[in-house]
Amino acid sequence: MSLGHRNQRPAHQRRRHGQDADFLCPDGVDFVDFAFFASHWLDSRCNTGNFYCEGTDVDQSGLVDVFDLKIFCDLWLEGVP
């Protein structure tokens, strides 16, 4: 995980059309991001106060669920060099 050239702001501040799965670093969507996503799996307390579970509630439905996983999978390896 490096502090590279893009996306140095937290995930909740750098949404791309409301969807961004590069939660932790600017190195692209990879296993580090998946582990972070998994740590919020089925969290149902997602709201603006916690930045939708630190960005893992990608569709901002209030729950980290299969619909967020689908978005995550669609973005898998995006931005990985």
Protein backbone atom coordinates (compact mmCIF):
# COMPACT_ATOMS: atom_id res chain seq x y z
CA MET A 1 0.00 0.00 0.00
CA SER A 2 1.68 3.17 -1.09
CA LEU A 3 0.68 6.79 -0.98
CA GLY A 4 1.06 7.18 -4.71
CA HIS A 5 -0.15 9.72 -7.19
CA ARG A 6 -3.96 9.46 -7.15
CA ASN A 7 -6.83 9.16 -4.71
CA GLN A 8 -5.01 10.30 -1.61
CA ARG A 9 -8.29 11.33 0.00
CA PRO A 10 -10.47 8.80 1.92
CA ALA A 11 -12.86 6.74 -0.20
CA HIS A 12 -15.90 8.68 0.96
CA GLN A 13 -14.38 11.88 -0.46
CA ARG A 14 -13.38 10.52 -3.87
CA ARG A 15 -16.42 8.76 -5.24
CA ARG A 16 -16.42 8.24 -8.98
CA HIS A 17 -20.06 8.40 -9.99
CA GLY A 18 -20.86 7.18 -6.48
CA GLN A 19 -18.78 4.04 -6.88
CA ASP A 20 -15.20 3.46 -5.83
CA ALA A 21 -13.75 0.24 -4.43
CA ASP A 22 -10.15 1.40 -3.94
CA PHE A 23 -10.80 1.95 -0.23
CA LEU A 24 -7.36 2.06 1.32
CA CYS A 25 -4.75 3.23 -1.09
CA PRO A 26 -4.23 4.53 -4.60
CA ASP A 27 -2.78 1.28 -5.92
CA GLY A 28 -5.99 0.02 -7.45
CA VAL A 29 -8.70 -2.40 -6.36
CA ASP A 30 -6.94 -5.45 -4.97
CA PHE A 31 -6.88 -7.94 -2.07
CA VAL A 32 -6.11 -5.21 0.46
CA ASP A 33 -9.37 -3.53 -0.51
CA PHE A 34 -11.22 -6.85 -0.51
CA ALA A 35 -10.07 -7.60 3.06
CA PHE A 36 -11.28 -4.16 4.13
CA PHE A 37 -14.59 -4.72 2.33
CA ALA A 38 -14.98 -8.14 3.97
CA SER A 39 -14.42 -6.61 7.42
CA HIS A 40 -17.65 -4.63 6.88
CA TRP A 41 -19.64 -7.49 5.36
CA LEU A 42 -23.33 -7.33 6.34
CA ASP A 43 -22.79 -4.19 8.39
CA SER A 44 -26.22 -2.60 8.54
CA ARG A 45 -25.33 0.65 10.25
CA CYS A 46 -24.02 2.47 7.18
CA ASN A 47 -24.95 6.14 6.90
CA THR A 48 -23.50 9.56 6.18
CA GLY A 49 -22.12 9.77 9.73
CA ASN A 50 -19.73 6.86 9.14
CA PHE A 51 -19.31 7.64 5.43
CA TYR A 52 -21.37 4.60 4.52
CA CYS A 53 -19.22 2.16 6.45
CA GLU A 54 -16.01 3.82 5.33
CA GLY A 55 -17.06 3.55 1.69
CA THR A 56 -17.77 -0.19 1.66
CA ASP A 57 -21.52 0.40 1.31
CA VAL A 58 -20.77 1.39 -2.26
CA ASP A 59 -24.40 1.80 -3.33
CA GLN A 60 -25.17 3.70 -0.11
CA SER A 61 -28.17 1.51 0.74
CA GLY A 62 -27.37 1.33 4.45
CA LEU A 63 -26.10 -2.26 4.27
CA VAL A 64 -22.88 -3.83 2.95
CA ASP A 65 -24.33 -6.70 0.96
CA VAL A 66 -24.24 -8.70 -2.24
CA PHE A 67 -25.12 -5.63 -4.30
CA ASP A 68 -22.00 -3.87 -3.04
CA LEU A 69 -19.99 -7.03 -3.70
CA LYS A 70 -21.24 -6.99 -7.30
CA ILE A 71 -20.01 -3.42 -7.73
CA PHE A 72 -16.71 -4.35 -6.07
CA CYS A 73 -16.28 -7.28 -8.47
CA ASP A 74 -17.05 -5.05 -11.45
CA LEU A 75 -14.24 -2.74 -10.30
CA TRP A 76 -11.81 -5.56 -9.45
CA LEU A 77 -8.21 -4.76 -10.47
CA GLU A 78 -9.21 -1.31 -11.71
CA GLY A 79 -6.19 0.95 -11.41
CA VAL A 80 -3.77 -1.88 -10.61
CA PRO A 81 -0.50 -1.27 -12.44
